[in-house]
Protein backbone atom coordinates (compact mmCIF):
# COMPACT_ATOMS: atom_id res chain seq x y z
CA UNK A 1 0.00 0.00 0.00
CA UNK A 2 1.29 3.47 -0.96
CA UNK A 3 2.22 5.94 1.74
CA UNK A 4 0.04 9.06 1.71
CA UNK A 5 0.83 12.46 3.15
CA UNK A 6 -1.44 14.69 5.26
CA UNK A 7 -3.37 15.71 2.12
CA UNK A 8 -3.90 12.11 0.97
CA UNK A 9 -1.28 12.42 -1.79
CA UNK A 10 1.23 9.75 -2.79
CA UNK A 11 4.92 10.57 -3.12
CA UNK A 12 4.73 11.53 -6.82
CA UNK A 13 1.67 13.72 -6.34
CA UNK A 14 3.31 15.43 -3.38
CA UNK A 15 6.47 15.97 -5.44
CA UNK A 16 4.26 17.60 -8.10
CA UNK A 17 2.71 19.91 -5.48
CA UNK A 18 6.11 20.84 -4.05
CA UNK A 19 7.46 21.54 -7.54
CA UNK A 20 4.37 23.54 -8.47
CA UNK A 21 4.65 25.70 -5.37
CA UNK A 22 8.41 26.20 -5.64
CA UNK A 23 8.52 27.12 -9.34
CA UNK A 24 5.72 29.66 -9.33
CA UNK A 25 2.87 27.53 -10.62
CA UNK A 26 4.38 25.90 -13.71
CA UNK A 27 2.52 22.58 -13.91
CA UNK A 28 4.65 21.15 -16.75
CA UNK A 29 7.91 21.79 -14.90
CA UNK A 30 6.39 20.43 -11.67
CA UNK A 31 5.27 17.21 -13.40
CA UNK A 32 8.73 16.76 -14.97
CA UNK A 33 10.43 17.33 -11.60
CA UNK A 34 8.05 14.85 -9.94
CA UNK A 35 9.13 12.13 -12.37
CA UNK A 36 6.06 11.79 -14.56
CA UNK A 37 6.64 10.46 -18.08
CA UNK A 38 7.64 13.24 -20.46
CA UNK A 39 5.26 11.85 -23.13
CA UNK A 40 2.23 12.28 -20.89
CA UNK A 41 3.15 15.45 -18.99
CA UNK A 42 0.36 17.66 -20.38
CA UNK A 43 -2.33 15.17 -19.38
CA UNK A 44 -0.79 14.47 -15.97
CA UNK A 45 -0.43 18.18 -15.28
CA UNK A 46 -4.04 18.78 -16.30
CA UNK A 47 -5.41 15.95 -14.18
CA UNK A 48 -3.31 16.85 -11.15
CA UNK A 49 -4.40 20.50 -11.26
CA UNK A 50 -8.04 19.42 -11.02
CA UNK A 51 -7.59 16.98 -8.14
CA UNK A 52 -9.15 18.57 -5.02
CA UNK A 53 -6.48 17.07 -2.77
CA UNK A 54 -3.74 18.57 -4.94
CA UNK A 55 -5.51 21.94 -5.01
CA UNK A 56 -5.86 21.93 -1.23
CA UNK A 57 -2.17 21.05 -0.80
CA UNK A 58 -1.12 23.80 -3.23
CA UNK A 59 -3.30 26.36 -1.48
CA UNK A 60 -1.98 25.35 1.94
CA UNK A 61 1.69 25.20 0.96
CA UNK A 62 1.86 28.21 -1.35
CA UNK A 63 3.44 31.14 0.48
CA UNK A 64 0.91 33.84 1.29
CA UNK A 65 1.91 37.35 0.27
CA UNK A 66 2.67 39.66 3.16
CA UNK A 67 0.33 42.63 3.39
CA UNK A 68 2.08 45.87 2.55
CA UNK A 69 3.10 47.75 5.65
CA UNK A 70 3.14 51.51 5.59
CA UNK A 71 6.24 52.81 7.28
CA UNK A 72 5.75 56.53 7.68
CA UNK A 73 6.09 58.47 10.87
CA UNK A 74 4.44 61.63 12.13
CA UNK A 75 7.74 63.45 11.53
CA UNK A 76 7.84 62.22 7.90
CA UNK A 77 4.36 63.59 7.31
CA UNK A 78 5.19 66.92 8.91
CA UNK A 79 8.39 67.21 6.83
CA UNK A 80 6.43 66.61 3.63
CA UNK A 81 3.78 69.11 4.65
CA UNK A 82 6.47 71.68 5.51
CA UNK A 83 7.96 71.26 2.06
CA UNK A 84 4.52 71.72 0.49
CA UNK A 85 3.89 74.76 2.70
CA UNK A 86 7.14 76.32 1.43
CA UNK A 87 7.09 75.19 -2.18
CA UNK A 88 3.42 74.54 -2.99
CA UNK A 89 2.33 75.76 -6.43
CA UNK A 90 -0.75 77.58 -5.16
CA UNK A 91 -1.60 79.54 -2.06
CA UNK A 92 -4.39 77.04 -1.41
CA UNK A 93 -1.88 74.15 -1.42
CA UNK A 94 0.43 76.02 0.94
CA UNK A 95 -2.44 76.93 3.30
CA UNK A 96 -3.78 73.38 3.29
CA UNK A 97 -0.31 72.07 4.18
CA UNK A 98 -0.03 74.50 7.09
CA UNK A 99 -3.50 73.54 8.31
CA UNK A 100 -2.48 69.88 8.14
CA UNK A 101 0.55 70.56 10.31
CA UNK A 102 -1.54 72.54 12.79
CA UNK A 103 -4.06 69.70 13.01
CA UNK A 104 -1.35 67.06 13.55
CA UNK A 105 0.15 69.18 16.32
CA UNK A 106 -3.24 69.53 18.03
CA UNK A 107 -3.59 73.25 17.36
CA UNK A 108 -6.86 72.68 15.47
CA UNK A 109 -9.69 70.41 16.59
CA UNK A 110 -12.51 69.56 14.19
CA UNK A 111 -16.05 70.04 15.44
CA UNK A 112 -16.62 66.30 15.00
CA UNK A 113 -13.66 65.31 17.14
CA UNK A 114 -14.33 64.52 20.77
CA UNK A 115 -12.26 66.24 23.41
CA UNK A 116 -11.12 64.00 26.21
CA UNK A 117 -12.59 65.04 29.53
CA UNK A 118 -10.05 65.29 32.35
CA UNK A 119 -12.44 63.63 34.76
CA UNK A 120 -16.12 62.93 34.93
CA UNK A 121 -16.39 64.73 38.27
CA UNK A 122 -14.93 67.95 36.82
CA UNK A 123 -17.38 67.79 33.92
CA UNK A 124 -20.30 67.39 36.34
CA UNK A 125 -19.15 70.39 38.42
CA UNK A 126 -18.85 72.52 35.30
CA UNK A 127 -22.35 71.51 34.14
CA UNK A 128 -23.79 72.27 37.60
CA UNK A 129 -22.16 75.70 37.57
CA UNK A 130 -23.65 76.47 34.13
CA UNK A 131 -27.06 75.29 35.34
CA UNK A 132 -26.86 77.43 38.46
CA UNK A 133 -26.36 80.55 36.32
CA UNK A 134 -29.70 79.97 34.61
CA UNK A 135 -31.77 78.69 37.51
CA UNK A 136 -31.74 81.84 39.62
CA UNK A 137 -35.37 82.85 39.92
CA UNK A 138 -36.37 85.86 41.99
CA UNK A 139 -38.49 84.90 44.95
CA UNK A 140 -42.07 86.04 44.90
CA UNK A 141 -43.68 87.44 47.95
CA UNK A 142 -47.24 86.57 48.64
CA UNK A 143 -49.52 89.53 48.78
CA UNK A 144 -50.52 92.04 51.23
C-alpha atoms as a PDB file:
ATOM      1  CA  UNK A   1       0.000   0.000   0.000  1.00  0.00           C
ATOM      2  CA  UNK A   2       1.285   3.467  -0.958  1.00  0.00           C
ATOM      3  CA  UNK A   3       2.220   5.939   1.739  1.00  0.00           C
ATOM      4  CA  UNK A   4       0.037   9.059   1.711  1.00  0.00           C
ATOM      5  CA  UNK A   5       0.832  12.461   3.151  1.00  0.00           C
ATOM      6  CA  UNK A   6      -1.443  14.691   5.265  1.00  0.00           C
ATOM      7  CA  UNK A   7      -3.372  15.713   2.117  1.00  0.00           C
ATOM      8  CA  UNK A   8      -3.901  12.114   0.969  1.00  0.00           C
ATOM      9  CA  UNK A   9      -1.278  12.416  -1.792  1.00  0.00           C
ATOM     10  CA  UNK A  10       1.225   9.750  -2.792  1.00  0.00           C
ATOM     11  CA  UNK A  11       4.921  10.571  -3.123  1.00  0.00           C
ATOM     12  CA  UNK A  12       4.726  11.526  -6.823  1.00  0.00           C
ATOM     13  CA  UNK A  13       1.673  13.721  -6.341  1.00  0.00           C
ATOM     14  CA  UNK A  14       3.312  15.434  -3.384  1.00  0.00           C
ATOM     15  CA  UNK A  15       6.470  15.971  -5.443  1.00  0.00           C
ATOM     16  CA  UNK A  16       4.257  17.602  -8.099  1.00  0.00           C
ATOM     17  CA  UNK A  17       2.711  19.912  -5.478  1.00  0.00           C
ATOM     18  CA  UNK A  18       6.112  20.839  -4.047  1.00  0.00           C
ATOM     19  CA  UNK A  19       7.463  21.540  -7.543  1.00  0.00           C
ATOM     20  CA  UNK A  20       4.370  23.541  -8.473  1.00  0.00           C
ATOM     21  CA  UNK A  21       4.647  25.703  -5.373  1.00  0.00           C
ATOM     22  CA  UNK A  22       8.412  26.202  -5.640  1.00  0.00           C
ATOM     23  CA  UNK A  23       8.517  27.120  -9.341  1.00  0.00           C
ATOM     24  CA  UNK A  24       5.722  29.660  -9.328  1.00  0.00           C
ATOM     25  CA  UNK A  25       2.869  27.527 -10.624  1.00  0.00           C
ATOM     26  CA  UNK A  26       4.380  25.901 -13.715  1.00  0.00           C
ATOM     27  CA  UNK A  27       2.517  22.583 -13.912  1.00  0.00           C
ATOM     28  CA  UNK A  28       4.648  21.152 -16.749  1.00  0.00           C
ATOM     29  CA  UNK A  29       7.911  21.790 -14.896  1.00  0.00           C
ATOM     30  CA  UNK A  30       6.394  20.432 -11.672  1.00  0.00           C
ATOM     31  CA  UNK A  31       5.269  17.213 -13.399  1.00  0.00           C
ATOM     32  CA  UNK A  32       8.734  16.756 -14.975  1.00  0.00           C
ATOM     33  CA  UNK A  33      10.429  17.330 -11.605  1.00  0.00           C
ATOM     34  CA  UNK A  34       8.050  14.847  -9.939  1.00  0.00           C
ATOM     35  CA  UNK A  35       9.129  12.133 -12.366  1.00  0.00           C
ATOM     36  CA  UNK A  36       6.061  11.793 -14.556  1.00  0.00           C
ATOM     37  CA  UNK A  37       6.639  10.459 -18.082  1.00  0.00           C
ATOM     38  CA  UNK A  38       7.645  13.245 -20.465  1.00  0.00           C
ATOM     39  CA  UNK A  39       5.263  11.851 -23.129  1.00  0.00           C
ATOM     40  CA  UNK A  40       2.227  12.284 -20.887  1.00  0.00           C
ATOM     41  CA  UNK A  41       3.153  15.453 -18.988  1.00  0.00           C
ATOM     42  CA  UNK A  42       0.356  17.659 -20.380  1.00  0.00           C
ATOM     43  CA  UNK A  43      -2.334  15.171 -19.384  1.00  0.00           C
ATOM     44  CA  UNK A  44      -0.785  14.468 -15.965  1.00  0.00           C
ATOM     45  CA  UNK A  45      -0.427  18.184 -15.285  1.00  0.00           C
ATOM     46  CA  UNK A  46      -4.038  18.784 -16.299  1.00  0.00           C
ATOM     47  CA  UNK A  47      -5.414  15.947 -14.175  1.00  0.00           C
ATOM     48  CA  UNK A  48      -3.305  16.849 -11.153  1.00  0.00           C
ATOM     49  CA  UNK A  49      -4.397  20.497 -11.259  1.00  0.00           C
ATOM     50  CA  UNK A  50      -8.036  19.418 -11.025  1.00  0.00           C
ATOM     51  CA  UNK A  51      -7.592  16.981  -8.144  1.00  0.00           C
ATOM     52  CA  UNK A  52      -9.153  18.575  -5.018  1.00  0.00           C
ATOM     53  CA  UNK A  53      -6.477  17.070  -2.766  1.00  0.00           C
ATOM     54  CA  UNK A  54      -3.735  18.571  -4.943  1.00  0.00           C
ATOM     55  CA  UNK A  55      -5.514  21.944  -5.012  1.00  0.00           C
ATOM     56  CA  UNK A  56      -5.859  21.934  -1.232  1.00  0.00           C
ATOM     57  CA  UNK A  57      -2.172  21.052  -0.798  1.00  0.00           C
ATOM     58  CA  UNK A  58      -1.120  23.800  -3.229  1.00  0.00           C
ATOM     59  CA  UNK A  59      -3.304  26.359  -1.476  1.00  0.00           C
ATOM     60  CA  UNK A  60      -1.978  25.346   1.938  1.00  0.00           C
ATOM     61  CA  UNK A  61       1.693  25.200   0.964  1.00  0.00           C
ATOM     62  CA  UNK A  62       1.855  28.213  -1.349  1.00  0.00           C
ATOM     63  CA  UNK A  63       3.436  31.141   0.479  1.00  0.00           C
ATOM     64  CA  UNK A  64       0.908  33.836   1.288  1.00  0.00           C
ATOM     65  CA  UNK A  65       1.905  37.354   0.271  1.00  0.00           C
ATOM     66  CA  UNK A  66       2.673  39.659   3.155  1.00  0.00           C
ATOM     67  CA  UNK A  67       0.331  42.630   3.392  1.00  0.00           C
ATOM     68  CA  UNK A  68       2.075  45.872   2.545  1.00  0.00           C
ATOM     69  CA  UNK A  69       3.101  47.753   5.652  1.00  0.00           C
ATOM     70  CA  UNK A  70       3.144  51.509   5.587  1.00  0.00           C
ATOM     71  CA  UNK A  71       6.238  52.815   7.279  1.00  0.00           C
ATOM     72  CA  UNK A  72       5.751  56.531   7.681  1.00  0.00           C
ATOM     73  CA  UNK A  73       6.090  58.474  10.869  1.00  0.00           C
ATOM     74  CA  UNK A  74       4.442  61.630  12.126  1.00  0.00           C
ATOM     75  CA  UNK A  75       7.740  63.449  11.526  1.00  0.00           C
ATOM     76  CA  UNK A  76       7.842  62.222   7.904  1.00  0.00           C
ATOM     77  CA  UNK A  77       4.365  63.592   7.312  1.00  0.00           C
ATOM     78  CA  UNK A  78       5.192  66.921   8.910  1.00  0.00           C
ATOM     79  CA  UNK A  79       8.387  67.215   6.830  1.00  0.00           C
ATOM     80  CA  UNK A  80       6.435  66.607   3.629  1.00  0.00           C
ATOM     81  CA  UNK A  81       3.784  69.113   4.650  1.00  0.00           C
ATOM     82  CA  UNK A  82       6.465  71.679   5.512  1.00  0.00           C
ATOM     83  CA  UNK A  83       7.959  71.260   2.055  1.00  0.00           C
ATOM     84  CA  UNK A  84       4.518  71.722   0.494  1.00  0.00           C
ATOM     85  CA  UNK A  85       3.890  74.764   2.703  1.00  0.00           C
ATOM     86  CA  UNK A  86       7.144  76.320   1.434  1.00  0.00           C
ATOM     87  CA  UNK A  87       7.086  75.186  -2.181  1.00  0.00           C
ATOM     88  CA  UNK A  88       3.420  74.536  -2.995  1.00  0.00           C
ATOM     89  CA  UNK A  89       2.328  75.760  -6.430  1.00  0.00           C
ATOM     90  CA  UNK A  90      -0.754  77.579  -5.158  1.00  0.00           C
ATOM     91  CA  UNK A  91      -1.597  79.538  -2.062  1.00  0.00           C
ATOM     92  CA  UNK A  92      -4.385  77.041  -1.410  1.00  0.00           C
ATOM     93  CA  UNK A  93      -1.879  74.148  -1.420  1.00  0.00           C
ATOM     94  CA  UNK A  94       0.428  76.017   0.944  1.00  0.00           C
ATOM     95  CA  UNK A  95      -2.437  76.934   3.300  1.00  0.00           C
ATOM     96  CA  UNK A  96      -3.780  73.378   3.288  1.00  0.00           C
ATOM     97  CA  UNK A  97      -0.315  72.070   4.184  1.00  0.00           C
ATOM     98  CA  UNK A  98      -0.033  74.500   7.088  1.00  0.00           C
ATOM     99  CA  UNK A  99      -3.500  73.542   8.307  1.00  0.00           C
ATOM    100  CA  UNK A 100      -2.477  69.883   8.140  1.00  0.00           C
ATOM    101  CA  UNK A 101       0.551  70.562  10.313  1.00  0.00           C
ATOM    102  CA  UNK A 102      -1.539  72.544  12.794  1.00  0.00           C
ATOM    103  CA  UNK A 103      -4.060  69.702  13.014  1.00  0.00           C
ATOM    104  CA  UNK A 104      -1.345  67.060  13.555  1.00  0.00           C
ATOM    105  CA  UNK A 105       0.153  69.179  16.316  1.00  0.00           C
ATOM    106  CA  UNK A 106      -3.244  69.531  18.027  1.00  0.00           C
ATOM    107  CA  UNK A 107      -3.590  73.248  17.357  1.00  0.00           C
ATOM    108  CA  UNK A 108      -6.864  72.679  15.472  1.00  0.00           C
ATOM    109  CA  UNK A 109      -9.686  70.415  16.586  1.00  0.00           C
ATOM    110  CA  UNK A 110     -12.512  69.557  14.193  1.00  0.00           C
ATOM    111  CA  UNK A 111     -16.052  70.044  15.444  1.00  0.00           C
ATOM    112  CA  UNK A 112     -16.625  66.301  15.001  1.00  0.00           C
ATOM    113  CA  UNK A 113     -13.663  65.308  17.141  1.00  0.00           C
ATOM    114  CA  UNK A 114     -14.328  64.521  20.773  1.00  0.00           C
ATOM    115  CA  UNK A 115     -12.257  66.242  23.407  1.00  0.00           C
ATOM    116  CA  UNK A 116     -11.117  63.996  26.208  1.00  0.00           C
ATOM    117  CA  UNK A 117     -12.589  65.036  29.531  1.00  0.00           C
ATOM    118  CA  UNK A 118     -10.051  65.293  32.347  1.00  0.00           C
ATOM    119  CA  UNK A 119     -12.436  63.626  34.755  1.00  0.00           C
ATOM    120  CA  UNK A 120     -16.117  62.927  34.929  1.00  0.00           C
ATOM    121  CA  UNK A 121     -16.394  64.729  38.273  1.00  0.00           C
ATOM    122  CA  UNK A 122     -14.926  67.946  36.816  1.00  0.00           C
ATOM    123  CA  UNK A 123     -17.385  67.793  33.916  1.00  0.00           C
ATOM    124  CA  UNK A 124     -20.305  67.394  36.337  1.00  0.00           C
ATOM    125  CA  UNK A 125     -19.151  70.386  38.423  1.00  0.00           C
ATOM    126  CA  UNK A 126     -18.851  72.520  35.297  1.00  0.00           C
ATOM    127  CA  UNK A 127     -22.349  71.506  34.144  1.00  0.00           C
ATOM    128  CA  UNK A 128     -23.793  72.268  37.600  1.00  0.00           C
ATOM    129  CA  UNK A 129     -22.163  75.704  37.570  1.00  0.00           C
ATOM    130  CA  UNK A 130     -23.647  76.468  34.135  1.00  0.00           C
ATOM    131  CA  UNK A 131     -27.056  75.291  35.338  1.00  0.00           C
ATOM    132  CA  UNK A 132     -26.860  77.427  38.458  1.00  0.00           C
ATOM    133  CA  UNK A 133     -26.357  80.553  36.316  1.00  0.00           C
ATOM    134  CA  UNK A 134     -29.699  79.968  34.608  1.00  0.00           C
ATOM    135  CA  UNK A 135     -31.766  78.690  37.508  1.00  0.00           C
ATOM    136  CA  UNK A 136     -31.735  81.842  39.618  1.00  0.00           C
ATOM    137  CA  UNK A 137     -35.370  82.852  39.920  1.00  0.00           C
ATOM    138  CA  UNK A 138     -36.368  85.857  41.988  1.00  0.00           C
ATOM    139  CA  UNK A 139     -38.490  84.900  44.954  1.00  0.00           C
ATOM    140  CA  UNK A 140     -42.067  86.036  44.897  1.00  0.00           C
ATOM    141  CA  UNK A 141     -43.684  87.435  47.950  1.00  0.00           C
ATOM    142  CA  UNK A 142     -47.243  86.574  48.641  1.00  0.00           C
ATOM    143  CA  UNK A 143     -49.525  89.531  48.781  1.00  0.00           C
ATOM    144  CA  UNK A 144     -50.521  92.044  51.231  1.00  0.00           C
END
